[in-house]
Amino acid sequence: MAILVRRLFRIGLCIGLLVFSVRYIPRSNEWTLAETRTWVRASDWLGVENPDDLYLAVWLAIELIVAGLAYLAIINLWRLYRRKNVTRKDAE
């Protein structure tokens, strides 16, 4: 039962971090002329009809990377905290 709770907590943490990342890292809705040219060239090169679709895919990929890095940082900090806490209890 504890394993199920841990897995559900980790899944919830990952989804929560992704939602937090999407909500607080805004998309740029207005492009300059140079940015527009760049996105149009990239979408033509990749065979995507609409540059907005490519921009959305890239933005979501960046959001997933940010959420993944935050998840790894939280998990590693928790493990470090638990290791230090266990060694303190052993020393007593």
PDB file of N, CA and C in Angstrom:
ATOM      1  N   MET A   1       0.816  -1.195   0.000  1.00  0.00           N
ATOM      2  CA  MET A   1       0.000   0.000   0.000  1.00  0.00           C
ATOM      3  C   MET A   1       0.860   1.260   0.000  1.00  0.00           C
ATOM      4  N   ALA A   2       1.966   1.204   0.742  1.00  0.00           N
ATOM      5  CA  ALA A   2       2.847   2.372   0.810  1.00  0.00           C
ATOM      6  C   ALA A   2       3.481   2.655  -0.547  1.00  0.00           C
ATOM      7  N   ILE A   3       3.773   1.596  -1.296  1.00  0.00           N
ATOM      8  CA  ILE A   3       4.377   1.784  -2.618  1.00  0.00           C
ATOM      9  C   ILE A   3       3.382   2.480  -3.541  1.00  0.00           C
ATOM     10  N   LEU A   4       2.115   2.080  -3.472  1.00  0.00           N
ATOM     11  CA  LEU A   4       1.082   2.716  -4.293  1.00  0.00           C
ATOM     12  C   LEU A   4       0.943   4.195  -3.952  1.00  0.00           C
ATOM     13  N   VAL A   5       0.960   4.512  -2.672  1.00  0.00           N
ATOM     14  CA  VAL A   5       0.841   5.907  -2.243  1.00  0.00           C
ATOM     15  C   VAL A   5       2.038   6.718  -2.726  1.00  0.00           C
ATOM     16  N   ARG A   6       3.239   6.152  -2.627  1.00  0.00           N
ATOM     17  CA  ARG A   6       4.445   6.852  -3.109  1.00  0.00           C
ATOM     18  C   ARG A   6       4.371   7.111  -4.610  1.00  0.00           C
ATOM     19  N   ARG A   7       3.943   6.108  -5.354  1.00  0.00           N
ATOM     20  CA  ARG A   7       3.841   6.283  -6.811  1.00  0.00           C
ATOM     21  C   ARG A   7       2.795   7.331  -7.166  1.00  0.00           C
ATOM     22  N   LEU A   8       1.653   7.278  -6.499  1.00  0.00           N
ATOM     23  CA  LEU A   8       0.616   8.281  -6.764  1.00  0.00           C
ATOM     24  C   LEU A   8       1.095   9.680  -6.382  1.00  0.00           C
ATOM     25  N   PHE A   9       1.843   9.788  -5.283  1.00  0.00           N
ATOM     26  CA  PHE A   9       2.385  11.086  -4.890  1.00  0.00           C
ATOM     27  C   PHE A   9       3.372  11.596  -5.936  1.00  0.00           C
ATOM     28  N   ARG A  10       4.231  10.724  -6.430  1.00  0.00           N
ATOM     29  CA  ARG A  10       5.203  11.146  -7.448  1.00  0.00           C
ATOM     30  C   ARG A  10       4.522  11.570  -8.744  1.00  0.00           C
ATOM     31  N   ILE A  11       3.497  10.830  -9.146  1.00  0.00           N
ATOM     32  CA  ILE A  11       2.753  11.205 -10.349  1.00  0.00           C
ATOM     33  C   ILE A  11       2.064  12.553 -10.138  1.00  0.00           C
ATOM     34  N   GLY A  12       1.441  12.721  -8.984  1.00  0.00           N
ATOM     35  CA  GLY A  12       0.794  13.994  -8.669  1.00  0.00           C
ATOM     36  C   GLY A  12       1.778  15.146  -8.614  1.00  0.00           C
ATOM     37  N   LEU A  13       2.963  14.888  -8.052  1.00  0.00           N
ATOM     38  CA  LEU A  13       4.001  15.917  -8.000  1.00  0.00           C
ATOM     39  C   LEU A  13       4.443  16.314  -9.402  1.00  0.00           C
ATOM     40  N   CYS A  14       4.645  15.332 -10.251  1.00  0.00           N
ATOM     41  CA  CYS A  14       5.081  15.616 -11.627  1.00  0.00           C
ATOM     42  C   CYS A  14       4.013  16.409 -12.391  1.00  0.00           C
ATOM     43  N   ILE A  15       2.767  15.999 -12.276  1.00  0.00           N
ATOM     44  CA  ILE A  15       1.683  16.711 -12.960  1.00  0.00           C
ATOM     45  C   ILE A  15       1.525  18.113 -12.380  1.00  0.00           C
ATOM     46  N   GLY A  16       1.618  18.231 -11.067  1.00  0.00           N
ATOM     47  CA  GLY A  16       1.519  19.550 -10.440  1.00  0.00           C
ATOM     48  C   GLY A  16       2.625  20.487 -10.876  1.00  0.00           C
ATOM     49  N   LEU A  17       3.843  19.974 -10.979  1.00  0.00           N
ATOM     50  CA  LEU A  17       4.958  20.803 -11.442  1.00  0.00           C
ATOM     51  C   LEU A  17       4.771  21.224 -12.894  1.00  0.00           C
ATOM     52  N   LEU A  18       4.234  20.328 -13.710  1.00  0.00           N
ATOM     53  CA  LEU A  18       3.982  20.680 -15.110  1.00  0.00           C
ATOM     54  C   LEU A  18       2.917  21.777 -15.198  1.00  0.00           C
ATOM     55  N   VAL A  19       1.842  21.650 -14.437  1.00  0.00           N
ATOM     56  CA  VAL A  19       0.794  22.671 -14.441  1.00  0.00           C
ATOM     57  C   VAL A  19       1.348  24.000 -13.925  1.00  0.00           C
ATOM     58  N   PHE A  20       2.132  23.936 -12.854  1.00  0.00           N
ATOM     59  CA  PHE A  20       2.749  25.137 -12.301  1.00  0.00           C
ATOM     60  C   PHE A  20       3.661  25.798 -13.328  1.00  0.00           C
ATOM     61  N   SER A  21       4.442  24.997 -14.037  1.00  0.00           N
ATOM     62  CA  SER A  21       5.355  25.519 -15.046  1.00  0.00           C
ATOM     63  C   SER A  21       4.595  26.161 -16.202  1.00  0.00           C
ATOM     64  N   VAL A  22       3.546  25.491 -16.681  1.00  0.00           N
ATOM     65  CA  VAL A  22       2.760  26.030 -17.799  1.00  0.00           C
ATOM     66  C   VAL A  22       2.071  27.330 -17.388  1.00  0.00           C
ATOM     67  N   ARG A  23       1.623  27.377 -16.148  1.00  0.00           N
ATOM     68  CA  ARG A  23       0.889  28.558 -15.701  1.00  0.00           C
ATOM     69  C   ARG A  23       1.788  29.778 -15.499  1.00  0.00           C
ATOM     70  N   TYR A  24       3.000  29.560 -14.990  1.00  0.00           N
ATOM     71  CA  TYR A  24       3.829  30.698 -14.595  1.00  0.00           C
ATOM     72  C   TYR A  24       5.002  30.999 -15.529  1.00  0.00           C
ATOM     73  N   ILE A  25       5.189  30.224 -16.560  1.00  0.00           N
ATOM     74  CA  ILE A  25       6.170  30.571 -17.589  1.00  0.00           C
ATOM     75  C   ILE A  25       5.359  30.885 -18.844  1.00  0.00           C
ATOM     76  N   PRO A  26       5.108  32.168 -19.089  1.00  0.00           N
ATOM     77  CA  PRO A  26       4.164  32.527 -20.152  1.00  0.00           C
ATOM     78  C   PRO A  26       4.750  32.346 -21.551  1.00  0.00           C
ATOM     79  N   ARG A  27       3.831  32.129 -22.478  1.00  0.00           N
ATOM     80  CA  ARG A  27       4.209  32.099 -23.899  1.00  0.00           C
ATOM     81  C   ARG A  27       4.268  33.527 -24.404  1.00  0.00           C
ATOM     82  N   SER A  28       5.148  33.753 -25.343  1.00  0.00           N
ATOM     83  CA  SER A  28       5.214  35.060 -25.976  1.00  0.00           C
ATOM     84  C   SER A  28       4.228  35.061 -27.146  1.00  0.00           C
ATOM     85  N   ASN A  29       3.194  35.865 -27.052  1.00  0.00           N
ATOM     86  CA  ASN A  29       2.165  35.856 -28.088  1.00  0.00           C
ATOM     87  C   ASN A  29       2.492  36.767 -29.269  1.00  0.00           C
ATOM     88  N   GLU A  30       3.375  37.735 -29.060  1.00  0.00           N
ATOM     89  CA  GLU A  30       3.725  38.648 -30.144  1.00  0.00           C
ATOM     90  C   GLU A  30       5.160  38.410 -30.560  1.00  0.00           C
ATOM     91  N   TRP A  31       5.358  38.200 -31.848  1.00  0.00           N
ATOM     92  CA  TRP A  31       6.694  37.967 -32.394  1.00  0.00           C
ATOM     93  C   TRP A  31       7.162  39.212 -33.128  1.00  0.00           C
ATOM     94  N   THR A  32       8.477  39.425 -33.080  1.00  0.00           N
ATOM     95  CA  THR A  32       9.056  40.472 -33.912  1.00  0.00           C
ATOM     96  C   THR A  32       9.147  39.938 -35.338  1.00  0.00           C
ATOM     97  N   LEU A  33       9.523  40.795 -36.257  1.00  0.00           N
ATOM     98  CA  LEU A  33       9.641  40.377 -37.652  1.00  0.00           C
ATOM     99  C   LEU A  33      10.723  39.308 -37.812  1.00  0.00           C
ATOM    100  N   ALA A  34      11.832  39.477 -37.118  1.00  0.00           N
ATOM    101  CA  ALA A  34      12.918  38.493 -37.200  1.00  0.00           C
ATOM    102  C   ALA A  34      12.491  37.143 -36.623  1.00  0.00           C
ATOM    103  N   GLU A  35      11.763  37.176 -35.504  1.00  0.00           N
ATOM    104  CA  GLU A  35      11.275  35.925 -34.914  1.00  0.00           C
ATOM    105  C   GLU A  35      10.283  35.229 -35.840  1.00  0.00           C
ATOM    106  N   THR A  36       9.439  36.018 -36.484  1.00  0.00           N
ATOM    107  CA  THR A  36       8.464  35.448 -37.416  1.00  0.00           C
ATOM    108  C   THR A  36       9.170  34.755 -38.568  1.00  0.00           C
ATOM    109  N   ARG A  37      10.171  35.404 -39.125  1.00  0.00           N
ATOM    110  CA  ARG A  37      10.945  34.783 -40.219  1.00  0.00           C
ATOM    111  C   ARG A  37      11.591  33.484 -39.769  1.00  0.00           C
ATOM    112  N   THR A  38      12.156  33.504 -38.573  1.00  0.00           N
ATOM    113  CA  THR A  38      12.829  32.317 -38.056  1.00  0.00           C
ATOM    114  C   THR A  38      11.848  31.168 -37.866  1.00  0.00           C
ATOM    115  N   TRP A  39      10.685  31.439 -37.275  1.00  0.00           N
ATOM    116  CA  TRP A  39       9.702  30.379 -37.059  1.00  0.00           C
ATOM    117  C   TRP A  39       9.130  29.866 -38.375  1.00  0.00           C
ATOM    118  N   VAL A  40       8.953  30.759 -39.356  1.00  0.00           N
ATOM    119  CA  VAL A  40       8.451  30.326 -40.667  1.00  0.00           C
ATOM    120  C   VAL A  40       9.478  29.446 -41.358  1.00  0.00           C
ATOM    121  N   ARG A  41      10.753  29.833 -41.329  1.00  0.00           N
ATOM    122  CA  ARG A  41      11.808  29.011 -41.940  1.00  0.00           C
ATOM    123  C   ARG A  41      11.919  27.654 -41.258  1.00  0.00           C
ATOM    124  N   ALA A  42      11.868  27.664 -39.934  1.00  0.00           N
ATOM    125  CA  ALA A  42      11.974  26.398 -39.198  1.00  0.00           C
ATOM    126  C   ALA A  42      10.781  25.491 -39.495  1.00  0.00           C
ATOM    127  N   SER A  43       9.595  26.064 -39.556  1.00  0.00           N
ATOM    128  CA  SER A  43       8.423  25.239 -39.845  1.00  0.00           C
ATOM    129  C   SER A  43       8.445  24.718 -41.278  1.00  0.00           C
ATOM    130  N   ASP A  44       8.939  25.523 -42.225  1.00  0.00           N
ATOM    131  CA  ASP A  44       9.095  25.041 -43.601  1.00  0.00           C
ATOM    132  C   ASP A  44      10.113  23.912 -43.668  1.00  0.00           C
ATOM    133  N   TRP A  45      11.229  24.075 -42.960  1.00  0.00           N
ATOM    134  CA  TRP A  45      12.288  23.069 -42.970  1.00  0.00           C
ATOM    135  C   TRP A  45      11.812  21.750 -42.359  1.00  0.00           C
ATOM    136  N   LEU A  46      10.967  21.839 -41.316  1.00  0.00           N
ATOM    137  CA  LEU A  46      10.463  20.639 -40.656  1.00  0.00           C
ATOM    138  C   LEU A  46       9.180  20.101 -41.293  1.00  0.00           C
ATOM    139  N   GLY A  47       8.616  20.843 -42.216  1.00  0.00           N
ATOM    140  CA  GLY A  47       7.406  20.391 -42.894  1.00  0.00           C
ATOM    141  C   GLY A  47       6.127  20.633 -42.107  1.00  0.00           C
ATOM    142  N   VAL A  48       6.151  21.590 -41.204  1.00  0.00           N
ATOM    143  CA  VAL A  48       4.963  21.943 -40.425  1.00  0.00           C
ATOM    144  C   VAL A  48       4.292  23.115 -41.129  1.00  0.00           C
ATOM    145  N   GLU A  49       2.977  22.990 -41.374  1.00  0.00           N
ATOM    146  CA  GLU A  49       2.283  24.039 -42.134  1.00  0.00           C
ATOM    147  C   GLU A  49       2.189  25.363 -41.378  1.00  0.00           C
ATOM    148  N   ASN A  50       1.846  25.306 -40.109  1.00  0.00           N
ATOM    149  CA  ASN A  50       1.611  26.518 -39.337  1.00  0.00           C
ATOM    150  C   ASN A  50       2.759  26.735 -38.344  1.00  0.00           C
ATOM    151  N   PRO A  51       3.463  27.861 -38.400  1.00  0.00           N
ATOM    152  CA  PRO A  51       4.553  28.115 -37.449  1.00  0.00           C
ATOM    153  C   PRO A  51       4.081  28.157 -35.997  1.00  0.00           C
ATOM    154  N   ASP A  52       2.806  28.530 -35.771  1.00  0.00           N
ATOM    155  CA  ASP A  52       2.273  28.535 -34.407  1.00  0.00           C
ATOM    156  C   ASP A  52       2.245  27.127 -33.812  1.00  0.00           C
ATOM    157  N   ASP A  53       1.965  26.131 -34.650  1.00  0.00           N
ATOM    158  CA  ASP A  53       1.960  24.748 -34.169  1.00  0.00           C
ATOM    159  C   ASP A  53       3.359  24.320 -33.734  1.00  0.00           C
ATOM    160  N   LEU A  54       4.348  24.699 -34.504  1.00  0.00           N
ATOM    161  CA  LEU A  54       5.730  24.380 -34.143  1.00  0.00           C
ATOM    162  C   LEU A  54       6.126  25.101 -32.864  1.00  0.00           C
ATOM    163  N   TYR A  55       5.742  26.359 -32.759  1.00  0.00           N
ATOM    164  CA  TYR A  55       6.058  27.134 -31.558  1.00  0.00           C
ATOM    165  C   TYR A  55       5.419  26.506 -30.326  1.00  0.00           C
ATOM    166  N   LEU A  56       4.172  26.072 -30.447  1.00  0.00           N
ATOM    167  CA  LEU A  56       3.483  25.435 -29.326  1.00  0.00           C
ATOM    168  C   LEU A  56       4.178  24.132 -28.927  1.00  0.00           C
ATOM    169  N   ALA A  57       4.590  23.342 -29.896  1.00  0.00           N
ATOM    170  CA  ALA A  57       5.279  22.084 -29.604  1.00  0.00           C
ATOM    171  C   ALA A  57       6.614  22.339 -28.904  1.00  0.00           C
ATOM    172  N   VAL A  58       7.351  23.321 -29.370  1.00  0.00           N
ATOM    173  CA  VAL A  58       8.635  23.657 -28.745  1.00  0.00           C
ATOM    174  C   VAL A  58       8.406  24.192 -27.333  1.00  0.00           C
ATOM    175  N   TRP A  59       7.406  25.033 -27.174  1.00  0.00           N
ATOM    176  CA  TRP A  59       7.102  25.600 -25.853  1.00  0.00           C
ATOM    177  C   TRP A  59       6.705  24.504 -24.867  1.00  0.00           C
ATOM    178  N   LEU A  60       5.874  23.552 -25.299  1.00  0.00           N
ATOM    179  CA  LEU A  60       5.470  22.458 -24.423  1.00  0.00           C
ATOM    180  C   LEU A  60       6.656  21.555 -24.070  1.00  0.00           C
ATOM    181  N   ALA A  61       7.561  21.344 -25.030  1.00  0.00           N
ATOM    182  CA  ALA A  61       8.754  20.547 -24.743  1.00  0.00           C
ATOM    183  C   ALA A  61       9.623  21.226 -23.681  1.00  0.00           C
ATOM    184  N   ILE A  62       9.761  22.533 -23.796  1.00  0.00           N
ATOM    185  CA  ILE A  62      10.530  23.278 -22.798  1.00  0.00           C
ATOM    186  C   ILE A  62       9.848  23.190 -21.436  1.00  0.00           C
ATOM    187  N   GLU A  63       8.530  23.277 -21.399  1.00  0.00           N
ATOM    188  CA  GLU A  63       7.789  23.161 -20.147  1.00  0.00           C
ATOM    189  C   GLU A  63       7.990  21.783 -19.516  1.00  0.00           C
ATOM    190  N   LEU A  64       7.992  20.742 -20.331  1.00  0.00           N
ATOM    191  CA  LEU A  64       8.225  19.394 -19.815  1.00  0.00           C
ATOM    192  C   LEU A  64       9.632  19.254 -19.244  1.00  0.00           C
ATOM    193  N   ILE A  65      10.602  19.845 -19.912  1.00  0.00           N
ATOM    194  CA  ILE A  65      11.985  19.793 -19.421  1.00  0.00           C
ATOM    195  C   ILE A  65      12.106  20.527 -18.092  1.00  0.00           C
ATOM    196  N   VAL A  66      11.500  21.696 -17.993  1.00  0.00           N
ATOM    197  CA  VAL A  66      11.546  22.472 -16.746  1.00  0.00           C
ATOM    198  C   VAL A  66      10.879  21.695 -15.613  1.00  0.00           C
ATOM    199  N   ALA A  67       9.714  21.109 -15.877  1.00  0.00           N
ATOM    200  CA  ALA A  67       9.011  20.338 -14.848  1.00  0.00           C
ATOM    201  C   ALA A  67       9.831  19.113 -14.445  1.00  0.00           C
ATOM    202  N   GLY A  68      10.467  18.458 -15.411  1.00  0.00           N
ATOM    203  CA  GLY A  68      11.304  17.297 -15.106  1.00  0.00           C
ATOM    204  C   GLY A  68      12.506  17.655 -14.257  1.00  0.00           C
ATOM    205  N   LEU A  69      13.147  18.761 -14.573  1.00  0.00           N
ATOM    206  CA  LEU A  69      14.296  19.200 -13.774  1.00  0.00           C
ATOM    207  C   LEU A  69      13.879  19.590 -12.356  1.00  0.00           C
ATOM    208  N   ALA A  70      12.734  20.251 -12.231  1.00  0.00           N
ATOM    209  CA  ALA A  70      12.239  20.602 -10.898  1.00  0.00           C
ATOM    210  C   ALA A  70      11.900  19.341 -10.113  1.00  0.00           C
ATOM    211  N   TYR A  71      11.315  18.356 -10.763  1.00  0.00           N
ATOM    212  CA  TYR A  71      10.988  17.086 -10.116  1.00  0.00           C
ATOM    213  C   TYR A  71      12.259  16.394  -9.622  1.00  0.00           C
ATOM    214  N   LEU A  72      13.270  16.319 -10.469  1.00  0.00           N
ATOM    215  CA  LEU A  72      14.529  15.696 -10.065  1.00  0.00           C
ATOM    216  C   LEU A  72      15.176  16.434  -8.902  1.00  0.00           C
ATOM    217  N   ALA A  73      15.132  17.757  -8.926  1.00  0.00           N
ATOM    218  CA  ALA A  73      15.712  18.536  -7.834  1.00  0.00           C
ATOM    219  C   ALA A  73      14.982  18.265  -6.522  1.00  0.00           C
ATOM    220  N   ILE A  74      13.669  18.219  -6.566  1.00  0.00           N
ATOM    221  CA  ILE A  74      12.895  17.966  -5.349  1.00  0.00           C
ATOM    222  C   ILE A  74      13.167  16.568  -4.812  1.00  0.00           C
ATOM    223  N   ILE A  75      13.194  15.576  -5.677  1.00  0.00           N
ATOM    224  CA  ILE A  75      13.447  14.197  -5.243  1.00  0.00           C
ATOM    225  C   ILE A  75      14.843  14.074  -4.651  1.00  0.00           C
ATOM    226  N   ASN A  76      15.847  14.678  -5.293  1.00  0.00           N
ATOM    227  CA  ASN A  76      17.212  14.597  -4.763  1.00  0.00           C
ATOM    228  C   ASN A  76      17.352  15.329  -3.428  1.00  0.00           C
ATOM    229  N   LEU A  77      16.706  16.475  -3.291  1.00  0.00           N
ATOM    230  CA  LEU A  77      16.742  17.187  -2.014  1.00  0.00           C
ATOM    231  C   LEU A  77      16.051  16.380  -0.913  1.00  0.00           C
ATOM    232  N   TRP A  78      14.960  15.710  -1.248  1.00  0.00           N
ATOM    233  CA  TRP A  78      14.268  14.893  -0.259  1.00  0.00           C
ATOM    234  C   TRP A  78      15.150  13.726   0.190  1.00  0.00           C
ATOM    235  N   ARG A  79      15.818  13.081  -0.774  1.00  0.00           N
ATOM    236  CA  ARG A  79      16.712  11.971  -0.418  1.00  0.00           C
ATOM    237  C   ARG A  79      17.864  12.450   0.453  1.00  0.00           C
ATOM    238  N   LEU A  80      18.408  13.601   0.144  1.00  0.00           N
ATOM    239  CA  LEU A  80      19.487  14.171   0.957  1.00  0.00           C
ATOM    240  C   LEU A  80      18.996  14.466   2.368  1.00  0.00           C
ATOM    241  N   TYR A  81      17.811  15.033   2.482  1.00  0.00           N
ATOM    242  CA  TYR A  81      17.227  15.324   3.789  1.00  0.00           C
ATOM    243  C   TYR A  81      17.015  14.039   4.585  1.00  0.00           C
ATOM    244  N   ARG A  82      16.492  13.009   3.932  1.00  0.00           N
ATOM    245  CA  ARG A  82      16.247  11.744   4.624  1.00  0.00           C
ATOM    246  C   ARG A  82      17.552  11.096   5.091  1.00  0.00           C
ATOM    247  N   ARG A  83      18.592  11.155   4.267  1.00  0.00           N
ATOM    248  CA  ARG A  83      19.892  10.594   4.656  1.00  0.00           C
ATOM    249  C   ARG A  83      20.455  11.310   5.867  1.00  0.00           C
ATOM    250  N   LYS A  84      20.364  12.618   5.876  1.00  0.00           N
ATOM    251  CA  LYS A  84      20.870  13.386   7.018  1.00  0.00           C
ATOM    252  C   LYS A  84      20.042  13.119   8.263  1.00  0.00           C
ATOM    253  N   ASN A  85      18.760  12.980   8.100  1.00  0.00           N
ATOM    254  CA  ASN A  85      17.879  12.719   9.232  1.00  0.00           C
ATOM    255  C   ASN A  85      18.147  11.337   9.828  1.00  0.00           C
ATOM    256  N   VAL A  86      18.398  10.351   8.993  1.00  0.00           N
ATOM    257  CA  VAL A  86      18.674   8.996   9.464  1.00  0.00           C
ATOM    258  C   VAL A  86      20.006   8.960  10.211  1.00  0.00           C
ATOM    259  N   THR A  87      21.020   9.648   9.710  1.00  0.00           N
ATOM    260  CA  THR A  87      22.325   9.642  10.378  1.00  0.00           C
ATOM    261  C   THR A  87      22.256  10.356  11.722  1.00  0.00           C
ATOM    262  N   ARG A  88      21.424  11.371  11.859  1.00  0.00           N
ATOM    263  CA  ARG A  88      21.262  12.050  13.143  1.00  0.00           C
ATOM    264  C   ARG A  88      20.600  11.122  14.164  1.00  0.00           C
ATOM    265  N   LYS A  89      19.609  10.365  13.759  1.00  0.00           N
ATOM    266  CA  LYS A  89      18.932   9.450  14.650  1.00  0.00           C
ATOM    267  C   LYS A  89      19.854   8.311  15.070  1.00  0.00           C
ATOM    268  N   ASP A  90      20.720   7.863  14.153  1.00  0.00           N
ATOM    269  CA  ASP A  90      21.671   6.808  14.482  1.00  0.00           C
ATOM    270  C   ASP A  90      22.713   7.298  15.478  1.00  0.00           C
ATOM    271  N   ALA A  91      23.086   8.562  15.398  1.00  0.00           N
ATOM    272  CA  ALA A  91      24.111   9.119  16.284  1.00  0.00           C
ATOM    273  C   ALA A  91      23.594   9.288  17.715  1.00  0.00           C
ATOM    274  N   GLU A  92      22.284   9.400  17.882  1.00  0.00           N
ATOM    275  CA  GLU A  92      21.722   9.628  19.229  1.00  0.00           C
ATOM    276  C   GLU A  92      21.742   8.415  20.063  1.00  0.00           C
TER     277      GLU A  92
END
